Amino acid sequence: MKWMSFKHDGKEKYGIYLREEQAVAVVSDENDVPPTLVAAIEEGQFLESIPNNLKRLPRVDETTIEWLSPIPRPLKNVMCVGKNYRDHAIEMGGEASVPEHPMIFTKAPTAVSAHQAPIPAYESLTDALDYEGELAVIIGKKGKEIARAEALDYIFGYTVLNDVTARDLQSRHKQFFIGKSLDGTCPMGPWIVSKDEIGDPHTLAIETKVNGETRQKSNTSQFIFPIDEIIHVLSKGMTLEPGDIIATGTPAGVGFAMEPKGTLQAGDTVDITIEGVGTLSNTVR
């Protein structure tokens, strides 16, 4: 299932994307259903009943909707893993910068935006706006002190995320938060692919293109810290909850590491494709 949030006739809704029909099966218009996708994820038994009722759900044409982030307003900051591909760690700081433990930072909920939404250029604020294509994990049930062997059981699904970063602000303020949290700099989507559709999340090809030129090309098999370890570490002293978002890191090929620099300019289009998940597309404006 490809779960998505969207606007139709001015109202926020959620449903299931149907590729063959180029339409969305609307779930949120049904009687006595959870009001948001996060609430639906929390009520796991409700989602389990949807496949049996899919045929009777009303459809809306894909061309009539406005895409929203699958989780339009996360309840927490987006949790991000820094330097989780060895080649990216090296391109940003040499061999010595390869981490021994998961490196965690966050992006503010107000940074979250959607597939096809513009990425603000912030030309008066930064001249080093960069892309980072990433696989993101959506937590499906509440847990703390989660054993590594059970960690994947806590996942609801996966989406594509662009961890857009103002590199100069990131450097200037030493901490990552400001440079990572500008409004509109966390596009996600187009949907969340349910966990059952992804056999092994550690074997997925990932590719980022800027204006059609491939900049990043790797595979999640190159993670330094696999997803089960990340969930285990995060949950040691913090409760993970349904709808929490974990971005798993970006591979080598970011614009800031290029010579000359290949950071983003107004008019640039970024397409991030993850095997089995989908393609997230946004243009800088």
C-alpha atoms as a PDB file:
ATOM      1  CA  MET A   1       0.000   0.000   0.000  1.00  0.00           C
ATOM      2  CA  LYS A   2       1.118   3.524  -0.805  1.00  0.00           C
ATOM      3  CA  TRP A   3      -0.345   5.737   1.904  1.00  0.00           C
ATOM      4  CA  MET A   4      -0.539   9.442   1.182  1.00  0.00           C
ATOM      5  CA  SER A   5      -1.957  12.722   2.453  1.00  0.00           C
ATOM      6  CA  PHE A   6      -3.358  15.310   0.060  1.00  0.00           C
ATOM      7  CA  LYS A   7      -5.758  18.196  -0.426  1.00  0.00           C
ATOM      8  CA  HIS A   8      -8.893  17.872  -2.516  1.00  0.00           C
ATOM      9  CA  ASP A   9     -11.550  20.572  -2.843  1.00  0.00           C
ATOM     10  CA  GLY A  10      -9.674  22.536  -0.186  1.00  0.00           C
ATOM     11  CA  LYS A  11      -9.821  19.759   2.430  1.00  0.00           C
ATOM     12  CA  GLU A  12      -6.943  17.732   3.848  1.00  0.00           C
ATOM     13  CA  LYS A  13      -7.459  13.995   3.365  1.00  0.00           C
ATOM     14  CA  TYR A  14      -5.536  10.746   3.305  1.00  0.00           C
ATOM     15  CA  GLY A  15      -5.807   7.590   1.289  1.00  0.00           C
ATOM     16  CA  ILE A  16      -4.041   5.042  -0.887  1.00  0.00           C
ATOM     17  CA  TYR A  17      -2.326   5.865  -4.157  1.00  0.00           C
ATOM     18  CA  LEU A  18      -3.357   3.555  -7.010  1.00  0.00           C
ATOM     19  CA  ARG A  19      -0.708   3.717  -9.717  1.00  0.00           C
ATOM     20  CA  GLU A  20      -2.633   1.777 -12.373  1.00  0.00           C
ATOM     21  CA  GLU A  21      -5.688   4.002 -11.961  1.00  0.00           C
ATOM     22  CA  GLN A  22      -3.641   7.208 -11.525  1.00  0.00           C
ATOM     23  CA  ALA A  23      -5.990   7.944  -8.675  1.00  0.00           C
ATOM     24  CA  VAL A  24      -6.263   7.980  -4.903  1.00  0.00           C
ATOM     25  CA  ALA A  25      -8.650   5.766  -2.935  1.00  0.00           C
ATOM     26  CA  VAL A  26      -9.928   8.142  -0.260  1.00  0.00           C
ATOM     27  CA  VAL A  27      -9.938   6.622   3.212  1.00  0.00           C
ATOM     28  CA  SER A  28     -10.567   9.697   5.341  1.00  0.00           C
ATOM     29  CA  ASP A  29     -14.084  10.309   3.931  1.00  0.00           C
ATOM     30  CA  GLU A  30     -15.354   7.078   5.461  1.00  0.00           C
ATOM     31  CA  ASN A  31     -17.473   7.150   8.614  1.00  0.00           C
ATOM     32  CA  ASP A  32     -15.792   6.639  11.987  1.00  0.00           C
ATOM     33  CA  VAL A  33     -12.227   6.620  10.692  1.00  0.00           C
ATOM     34  CA  PRO A  34      -9.179   8.250  12.316  1.00  0.00           C
ATOM     35  CA  PRO A  35      -8.907  11.903  11.221  1.00  0.00           C
ATOM     36  CA  THR A  36      -5.268  11.825  10.057  1.00  0.00           C
ATOM     37  CA  LEU A  37      -2.813   9.300   8.688  1.00  0.00           C
ATOM     38  CA  VAL A  38      -0.772   9.464  11.913  1.00  0.00           C
ATOM     39  CA  ALA A  39      -3.906   8.646  13.917  1.00  0.00           C
ATOM     40  CA  ALA A  40      -4.626   5.786  11.515  1.00  0.00           C
ATOM     41  CA  ILE A  41      -1.094   4.420  11.922  1.00  0.00           C
ATOM     42  CA  GLU A  42      -1.573   4.517  15.678  1.00  0.00           C
ATOM     43  CA  GLU A  43      -4.755   2.441  15.296  1.00  0.00           C
ATOM     44  CA  GLY A  44      -3.010  -0.394  13.527  1.00  0.00           C
ATOM     45  CA  GLN A  45      -6.042  -2.667  13.375  1.00  0.00           C
ATOM     46  CA  PHE A  46      -7.921  -0.037  11.365  1.00  0.00           C
ATOM     47  CA  LEU A  47      -5.275  -0.014   8.637  1.00  0.00           C
ATOM     48  CA  GLU A  48      -5.220  -3.799   8.515  1.00  0.00           C
ATOM     49  CA  SER A  49      -8.900  -3.763   7.498  1.00  0.00           C
ATOM     50  CA  ILE A  50      -8.423  -1.441   4.501  1.00  0.00           C
ATOM     51  CA  PRO A  51      -7.230  -3.974   1.876  1.00  0.00           C
ATOM     52  CA  ASN A  52     -10.514  -5.885   2.190  1.00  0.00           C
ATOM     53  CA  ASN A  53     -12.501  -2.692   1.608  1.00  0.00           C
ATOM     54  CA  LEU A  54     -10.336  -1.100  -1.074  1.00  0.00           C
ATOM     55  CA  LYS A  55     -12.718  -1.702  -3.985  1.00  0.00           C
ATOM     56  CA  ARG A  56     -15.568   0.231  -2.401  1.00  0.00           C
ATOM     57  CA  LEU A  57     -13.532   3.309  -1.449  1.00  0.00           C
ATOM     58  CA  PRO A  58     -14.247   6.453  -3.541  1.00  0.00           C
ATOM     59  CA  ARG A  59     -11.574   7.589  -6.004  1.00  0.00           C
ATOM     60  CA  VAL A  60     -10.222  11.027  -6.891  1.00  0.00           C
ATOM     61  CA  ASP A  61      -8.105  11.613  -9.981  1.00  0.00           C
ATOM     62  CA  GLU A  62      -4.407  12.244  -9.320  1.00  0.00           C
ATOM     63  CA  THR A  63      -4.535  15.425 -11.424  1.00  0.00           C
ATOM     64  CA  THR A  64      -7.127  17.003  -9.116  1.00  0.00           C
ATOM     65  CA  ILE A  65      -5.174  16.792  -5.878  1.00  0.00           C
ATOM     66  CA  GLU A  66      -2.510  18.861  -4.147  1.00  0.00           C
ATOM     67  CA  TRP A  67       0.209  16.628  -2.763  1.00  0.00           C
ATOM     68  CA  LEU A  68       0.976  16.942   0.934  1.00  0.00           C
ATOM     69  CA  SER A  69       3.772  15.333   2.882  1.00  0.00           C
ATOM     70  CA  PRO A  70       2.471  11.898   3.909  1.00  0.00           C
ATOM     71  CA  ILE A  71       2.707  13.219   7.461  1.00  0.00           C
ATOM     72  CA  PRO A  72       1.951  16.919   6.925  1.00  0.00           C
ATOM     73  CA  ARG A  73       2.820  18.048  10.452  1.00  0.00           C
ATOM     74  CA  PRO A  74       4.954  15.593  12.451  1.00  0.00           C
ATOM     75  CA  LEU A  75       4.354  15.589  16.193  1.00  0.00           C
ATOM     76  CA  LYS A  76       8.123  15.654  16.801  1.00  0.00           C
ATOM     77  CA  ASN A  77      11.225  16.865  15.042  1.00  0.00           C
ATOM     78  CA  VAL A  78      12.374  14.658  12.189  1.00  0.00           C
ATOM     79  CA  MET A  79      15.258  12.533  13.510  1.00  0.00           C
ATOM     80  CA  CYS A  80      18.195  12.311  11.124  1.00  0.00           C
ATOM     81  CA  VAL A  81      21.320  10.172  10.987  1.00  0.00           C
ATOM     82  CA  GLY A  82      24.420  12.063   9.868  1.00  0.00           C
ATOM     83  CA  LYS A  83      27.258  10.526   7.885  1.00  0.00           C
ATOM     84  CA  ASN A  84      25.691   7.073   7.612  1.00  0.00           C
ATOM     85  CA  TYR A  85      27.439   6.296   4.316  1.00  0.00           C
ATOM     86  CA  ARG A  86      31.210   6.031   4.587  1.00  0.00           C
ATOM     87  CA  ASP A  87      31.810   7.741   1.238  1.00  0.00           C
ATOM     88  CA  HIS A  88      29.728  10.756   2.286  1.00  0.00           C
ATOM     89  CA  ALA A  89      31.511  11.032   5.637  1.00  0.00           C
ATOM     90  CA  ILE A  90      34.845  11.053   3.822  1.00  0.00           C
ATOM     91  CA  GLU A  91      33.777  13.629   1.219  1.00  0.00           C
ATOM     92  CA  MET A  92      32.664  15.963   4.026  1.00  0.00           C
ATOM     93  CA  GLY A  93      35.621  15.576   6.364  1.00  0.00           C
ATOM     94  CA  GLY A  94      38.052  12.830   5.469  1.00  0.00           C
ATOM     95  CA  GLU A  95      38.561   9.388   6.975  1.00  0.00           C
ATOM     96  CA  ALA A  96      38.677  10.791  10.505  1.00  0.00           C
ATOM     97  CA  SER A  97      35.071  11.970  10.235  1.00  0.00           C
ATOM     98  CA  VAL A  98      33.619   8.456   9.816  1.00  0.00           C
ATOM     99  CA  PRO A  99      31.523   8.042  13.004  1.00  0.00           C
ATOM    100  CA  GLU A 100      31.877   5.212  15.513  1.00  0.00           C
ATOM    101  CA  HIS A 101      28.327   5.666  16.793  1.00  0.00           C
ATOM    102  CA  PRO A 102      25.154   6.927  15.069  1.00  0.00           C
ATOM    103  CA  MET A 103      25.319  10.707  14.708  1.00  0.00           C
ATOM    104  CA  ILE A 104      21.853  12.144  15.368  1.00  0.00           C
ATOM    105  CA  PHE A 105      20.443  15.614  14.658  1.00  0.00           C
ATOM    106  CA  THR A 106      16.905  16.848  13.977  1.00  0.00           C
ATOM    107  CA  LYS A 107      14.883  19.019  11.621  1.00  0.00           C
ATOM    108  CA  ALA A 108      11.947  21.096  12.872  1.00  0.00           C
ATOM    109  CA  PRO A 109       8.408  19.972  11.927  1.00  0.00           C
ATOM    110  CA  THR A 110       7.920  23.293  10.098  1.00  0.00           C
ATOM    111  CA  ALA A 111      10.649  22.234   7.648  1.00  0.00           C
ATOM    112  CA  VAL A 112       8.464  19.420   6.302  1.00  0.00           C
ATOM    113  CA  SER A 113       6.962  19.872   2.837  1.00  0.00           C
ATOM    114  CA  ALA A 114       5.575  17.742   0.024  1.00  0.00           C
ATOM    115  CA  HIS A 115       6.330  16.129  -3.309  1.00  0.00           C
ATOM    116  CA  GLN A 116       6.148  18.842  -6.003  1.00  0.00           C
ATOM    117  CA  ALA A 117       6.222  21.630  -3.387  1.00  0.00           C
ATOM    118  CA  PRO A 118       8.784  24.380  -4.069  1.00  0.00           C
ATOM    119  CA  ILE A 119      12.004  24.433  -2.084  1.00  0.00           C
ATOM    120  CA  PRO A 120      12.529  28.074  -1.029  1.00  0.00           C
ATOM    121  CA  ALA A 121      15.800  29.427  -2.412  1.00  0.00           C
ATOM    122  CA  TYR A 122      16.470  31.686   0.623  1.00  0.00           C
ATOM    123  CA  GLU A 123      18.807  33.752  -1.540  1.00  0.00           C
ATOM    124  CA  SER A 124      19.129  36.501   1.091  1.00  0.00           C
ATOM    125  CA  LEU A 125      19.962  33.974   3.813  1.00  0.00           C
ATOM    126  CA  THR A 126      22.234  31.360   2.245  1.00  0.00           C
ATOM    127  CA  ASP A 127      24.374  30.814  -0.832  1.00  0.00           C
ATOM    128  CA  ALA A 128      25.068  27.160  -0.040  1.00  0.00           C
ATOM    129  CA  LEU A 129      21.716  25.366  -0.215  1.00  0.00           C
ATOM    130  CA  ASP A 130      22.347  21.663  -0.719  1.00  0.00           C
ATOM    131  CA  TYR A 131      20.388  18.450  -1.377  1.00  0.00           C
ATOM    132  CA  GLU A 132      20.628  15.110   0.451  1.00  0.00           C
ATOM    133  CA  GLY A 133      18.600  12.184  -0.875  1.00  0.00           C
ATOM    134  CA  GLU A 134      17.595   9.754   1.889  1.00  0.00           C
ATOM    135  CA  LEU A 135      15.436   6.790   2.781  1.00  0.00           C
ATOM    136  CA  ALA A 136      13.155   7.687   5.696  1.00  0.00           C
ATOM    137  CA  VAL A 137      11.581   5.248   8.143  1.00  0.00           C
ATOM    138  CA  ILE A 138       8.103   5.815   9.610  1.00  0.00           C
ATOM    139  CA  ILE A 139       7.566   4.289  13.046  1.00  0.00           C
ATOM    140  CA  GLY A 140       4.345   2.293  13.381  1.00  0.00           C
ATOM    141  CA  LYS A 141       3.974   1.547  17.082  1.00  0.00           C
ATOM    142  CA  LYS A 142       5.091   2.891  20.424  1.00  0.00           C
ATOM    143  CA  GLY A 143       8.265   1.515  21.924  1.00  0.00           C
ATOM    144  CA  LYS A 144      11.158   2.188  24.282  1.00  0.00           C
ATOM    145  CA  GLU A 145      14.317   0.169  24.899  1.00  0.00           C
ATOM    146  CA  ILE A 146      13.574  -1.735  21.713  1.00  0.00           C
ATOM    147  CA  ALA A 147      15.762  -4.789  21.219  1.00  0.00           C
ATOM    148  CA  ARG A 148      17.697  -4.725  17.981  1.00  0.00           C
ATOM    149  CA  ALA A 149      16.259  -8.114  16.987  1.00  0.00           C
ATOM    150  CA  GLU A 150      12.742  -6.650  17.237  1.00  0.00           C
ATOM    151  CA  ALA A 151      13.418  -3.187  15.823  1.00  0.00           C
ATOM    152  CA  LEU A 152      12.106  -3.743  12.293  1.00  0.00           C
ATOM    153  CA  ASP A 153       8.759  -4.849  13.771  1.00  0.00           C
ATOM    154  CA  TYR A 154       8.225  -1.237  14.902  1.00  0.00           C
ATOM    155  CA  ILE A 155       8.302   0.145  11.345  1.00  0.00           C
ATOM    156  CA  PHE A 156       5.110   1.152   9.540  1.00  0.00           C
ATOM    157  CA  GLY A 157       6.731   1.969   6.219  1.00  0.00           C
ATOM    158  CA  TYR A 158       9.240   3.938   4.177  1.00  0.00           C
ATOM    159  CA  THR A 159       9.318   7.174   2.216  1.00  0.00           C
ATOM    160  CA  VAL A 160      11.769   9.377   0.296  1.00  0.00           C
ATOM    161  CA  LEU A 161      13.174  12.459   2.035  1.00  0.00           C
ATOM    162  CA  ASN A 162      15.353  15.353   0.886  1.00  0.00           C
ATOM    163  CA  ASP A 163      17.379  16.700   3.816  1.00  0.00           C
ATOM    164  CA  VAL A 164      17.928  20.133   2.238  1.00  0.00           C
ATOM    165  CA  THR A 165      20.703  21.925   4.125  1.00  0.00           C
ATOM    166  CA  ALA A 166      22.054  25.472   4.250  1.00  0.00           C
ATOM    167  CA  ARG A 167      25.733  24.488   4.535  1.00  0.00           C
ATOM    168  CA  ASP A 168      26.959  27.955   5.495  1.00  0.00           C
ATOM    169  CA  LEU A 169      24.429  28.202   8.334  1.00  0.00           C
ATOM    170  CA  GLN A 170      25.299  24.686   9.407  1.00  0.00           C
ATOM    171  CA  SER A 171      28.955  25.690   9.678  1.00  0.00           C
ATOM    172  CA  ARG A 172      28.377  29.130  11.174  1.00  0.00           C
ATOM    173  CA  HIS A 173      26.191  27.959  14.055  1.00  0.00           C
ATOM    174  CA  LYS A 174      28.240  24.778  14.755  1.00  0.00           C
ATOM    175  CA  GLN A 175      25.084  22.859  15.642  1.00  0.00           C
ATOM    176  CA  PHE A 176      23.097  21.543  12.662  1.00  0.00           C
ATOM    177  CA  PHE A 177      19.608  22.634  13.719  1.00  0.00           C
ATOM    178  CA  ILE A 178      19.322  26.088  12.076  1.00  0.00           C
ATOM    179  CA  GLY A 179      20.945  25.028   8.810  1.00  0.00           C
ATOM    180  CA  LYS A 180      18.695  21.979   8.631  1.00  0.00           C
ATOM    181  CA  SER A 181      15.384  23.526   9.721  1.00  0.00           C
ATOM    182  CA  LEU A 182      14.516  26.338   7.317  1.00  0.00           C
ATOM    183  CA  ASP A 183      10.839  26.164   6.375  1.00  0.00           C
ATOM    184  CA  GLY A 184      10.221  23.961   3.356  1.00  0.00           C
ATOM    185  CA  THR A 185      13.617  22.226   3.480  1.00  0.00           C
ATOM    186  CA  CYS A 186      12.406  18.730   4.292  1.00  0.00           C
ATOM    187  CA  PRO A 187      10.384  17.515   1.298  1.00  0.00           C
ATOM    188  CA  MET A 188       8.967  14.023   1.843  1.00  0.00           C
ATOM    189  CA  GLY A 189       6.903  11.638  -0.200  1.00  0.00           C
ATOM    190  CA  PRO A 190       5.197  11.192  -2.490  1.00  0.00           C
ATOM    191  CA  TRP A 191       3.768   8.515  -0.167  1.00  0.00           C
ATOM    192  CA  ILE A 192       4.673   6.012   2.530  1.00  0.00           C
ATOM    193  CA  VAL A 193       5.156   2.492   1.182  1.00  0.00           C
ATOM    194  CA  SER A 194       3.994  -0.007   3.786  1.00  0.00           C
ATOM    195  CA  LYS A 195       6.667  -2.238   5.248  1.00  0.00           C
ATOM    196  CA  ASP A 196       5.270  -5.418   3.686  1.00  0.00           C
ATOM    197  CA  GLU A 197       6.103  -4.104   0.193  1.00  0.00           C
ATOM    198  CA  ILE A 198       9.816  -3.712   1.003  1.00  0.00           C
ATOM    199  CA  GLY A 199      11.484  -7.045   1.609  1.00  0.00           C
ATOM    200  CA  ASP A 200      14.852  -5.839   2.895  1.00  0.00           C
ATOM    201  CA  PRO A 201      15.339  -2.071   3.375  1.00  0.00           C
ATOM    202  CA  HIS A 202      19.103  -2.590   3.272  1.00  0.00           C
ATOM    203  CA  THR A 203      19.255  -3.519  -0.428  1.00  0.00           C
ATOM    204  CA  LEU A 204      17.589  -0.494  -2.057  1.00  0.00           C
ATOM    205  CA  ALA A 205      19.160   1.546  -4.861  1.00  0.00           C
ATOM    206  CA  ILE A 206      19.074   5.305  -4.250  1.00  0.00           C
ATOM    207  CA  GLU A 207      19.729   8.019  -6.847  1.00  0.00           C
ATOM    208  CA  THR A 208      19.553  11.822  -6.752  1.00  0.00           C
ATOM    209  CA  LYS A 209      19.409  13.903  -9.919  1.00  0.00           C
ATOM    210  CA  VAL A 210      19.685  17.681 -10.228  1.00  0.00           C
ATOM    211  CA  ASN A 211      18.271  18.991 -13.506  1.00  0.00           C
ATOM    212  CA  GLY A 212      18.524  15.446 -14.872  1.00  0.00           C
ATOM    213  CA  GLU A 213      22.193  14.989 -13.940  1.00  0.00           C
ATOM    214  CA  THR A 214      22.942  12.116 -11.569  1.00  0.00           C
ATOM    215  CA  ARG A 215      24.686  13.463  -8.466  1.00  0.00           C
ATOM    216  CA  GLN A 216      24.193  10.644  -5.954  1.00  0.00           C
ATOM    217  CA  LYS A 217      24.015   6.942  -6.766  1.00  0.00           C
ATOM    218  CA  SER A 218      24.336   4.297  -4.098  1.00  0.00           C
ATOM    219  CA  ASN A 219      22.531   1.554  -2.219  1.00  0.00           C
ATOM    220  CA  THR A 220      21.260   1.261   1.336  1.00  0.00           C
ATOM    221  CA  SER A 221      23.525  -1.774   1.676  1.00  0.00           C
ATOM    222  CA  GLN A 222      26.233   0.854   2.217  1.00  0.00           C
ATOM    223  CA  PHE A 223      24.784   2.060   5.530  1.00  0.00           C
ATOM    224  CA  ILE A 224      27.349   2.239   8.320  1.00  0.00           C
ATOM    225  CA  PHE A 225      24.552   1.803  10.865  1.00  0.00           C
ATOM    226  CA  PRO A 226      21.619  -0.339   9.681  1.00  0.00           C
ATOM    227  CA  ILE A 227      18.045   0.592  10.475  1.00  0.00           C
ATOM    228  CA  ASP A 228      17.599  -1.927  13.289  1.00  0.00           C
ATOM    229  CA  GLU A 229      20.647  -0.513  15.090  1.00  0.00           C
ATOM    230  CA  ILE A 230      19.435   3.078  14.614  1.00  0.00           C
ATOM    231  CA  ILE A 231      16.002   2.284  16.103  1.00  0.00           C
ATOM    232  CA  HIS A 232      17.615   0.364  18.964  1.00  0.00           C
ATOM    233  CA  VAL A 233      19.977   3.242  19.815  1.00  0.00           C
ATOM    234  CA  LEU A 234      17.318   5.966  19.576  1.00  0.00           C
ATOM    235  CA  SER A 235      14.898   4.033  21.768  1.00  0.00           C
ATOM    236  CA  LYS A 236      17.332   3.327  24.613  1.00  0.00           C
ATOM    237  CA  GLY A 237      16.204   6.385  26.545  1.00  0.00           C
ATOM    238  CA  MET A 238      13.494   7.886  24.337  1.00  0.00           C
ATOM    239  CA  THR A 239      10.042   6.620  23.476  1.00  0.00           C
ATOM    240  CA  LEU A 240       9.443   6.200  19.759  1.00  0.00           C
ATOM    241  CA  GLU A 241       5.828   6.767  18.733  1.00  0.00           C
ATOM    242  CA  PRO A 242       3.594   6.116  15.705  1.00  0.00           C
ATOM    243  CA  GLY A 243       4.337   8.650  12.976  1.00  0.00           C
ATOM    244  CA  ASP A 244       7.890   9.392  14.125  1.00  0.00           C
ATOM    245  CA  ILE A 245      10.221   9.932  11.179  1.00  0.00           C
ATOM    246  CA  ILE A 246      13.836   8.768  10.987  1.00  0.00           C
ATOM    247  CA  ALA A 247      15.964   9.844   8.008  1.00  0.00           C
ATOM    248  CA  THR A 248      18.725   7.293   7.523  1.00  0.00           C
ATOM    249  CA  GLY A 249      21.490   9.399   5.957  1.00  0.00           C
ATOM    250  CA  THR A 250      22.700  10.383   2.511  1.00  0.00           C
ATOM    251  CA  PRO A 251      25.390   8.933   0.218  1.00  0.00           C
ATOM    252  CA  ALA A 252      28.285  10.755  -1.413  1.00  0.00           C
ATOM    253  CA  GLY A 253      27.662  13.281  -4.160  1.00  0.00           C
ATOM    254  CA  VAL A 254      26.275  16.306  -2.331  1.00  0.00           C
ATOM    255  CA  GLY A 255      26.721  19.617  -4.118  1.00  0.00           C
ATOM    256  CA  PHE A 256      28.864  21.192  -1.396  1.00  0.00           C
ATOM    257  CA  ALA A 257      31.551  18.525  -1.869  1.00  0.00           C
ATOM    258  CA  MET A 258      31.832  19.084  -5.631  1.00  0.00           C
ATOM    259  CA  GLU A 259      34.558  21.132  -7.280  1.00  0.00           C
ATOM    260  CA  PRO A 260      33.317  23.625  -8.296  1.00  0.00           C
ATOM    261  CA  LYS A 261      30.422  23.659  -5.836  1.00  0.00           C
ATOM    262  CA  GLY A 262      27.178  22.193  -7.114  1.00  0.00           C
ATOM    263  CA  THR A 263      24.808  23.633  -4.533  1.00  0.00           C
ATOM    264  CA  LEU A 264      21.245  24.515  -5.485  1.00  0.00           C
ATOM    265  CA  GLN A 265      20.091  27.643  -7.298  1.00  0.00           C
ATOM    266  CA  ALA A 266      16.626  28.992  -8.041  1.00  0.00           C
ATOM    267  CA  GLY A 267      15.160  26.993 -10.928  1.00  0.00           C
ATOM    268  CA  ASP A 268      16.982  23.743 -10.122  1.00  0.00           C
ATOM    269  CA  THR A 269      14.885  20.570  -9.941  1.00  0.00           C
ATOM    270  CA  VAL A 270      15.842  17.726  -7.604  1.00  0.00           C
ATOM    271  CA  ASP A 271      14.567  14.185  -8.216  1.00  0.00           C
ATOM    272  CA  ILE A 272      15.312  11.485  -5.662  1.00  0.00           C
ATOM    273  CA  THR A 273      14.439   7.893  -6.515  1.00  0.00           C
ATOM    274  CA  ILE A 274      14.580   4.962  -4.105  1.00  0.00           C
ATOM    275  CA  GLU A 275      13.989   1.471  -5.434  1.00  0.00           C
ATOM    276  CA  GLY A 276      10.603   0.104  -4.431  1.00  0.00           C
ATOM    277  CA  VAL A 277       9.584   3.347  -2.740  1.00  0.00           C
ATOM    278  CA  GLY A 278       9.201   6.052  -5.399  1.00  0.00           C
ATOM    279  CA  THR A 279      10.476   9.370  -6.732  1.00  0.00           C
ATOM    280  CA  LEU A 280      10.336  12.664  -4.839  1.00  0.00           C
ATOM    281  CA  SER A 281      10.541  15.747  -7.087  1.00  0.00           C
ATOM    282  CA  ASN A 282      10.921  19.408  -6.085  1.00  0.00           C
ATOM    283  CA  THR A 283      12.050  22.627  -7.719  1.00  0.00           C
ATOM    284  CA  VAL A 284      13.944  25.442  -6.008  1.00  0.00           C
ATOM    285  CA  ARG A 285      12.109  28.754  -6.248  1.00  0.00           C
END
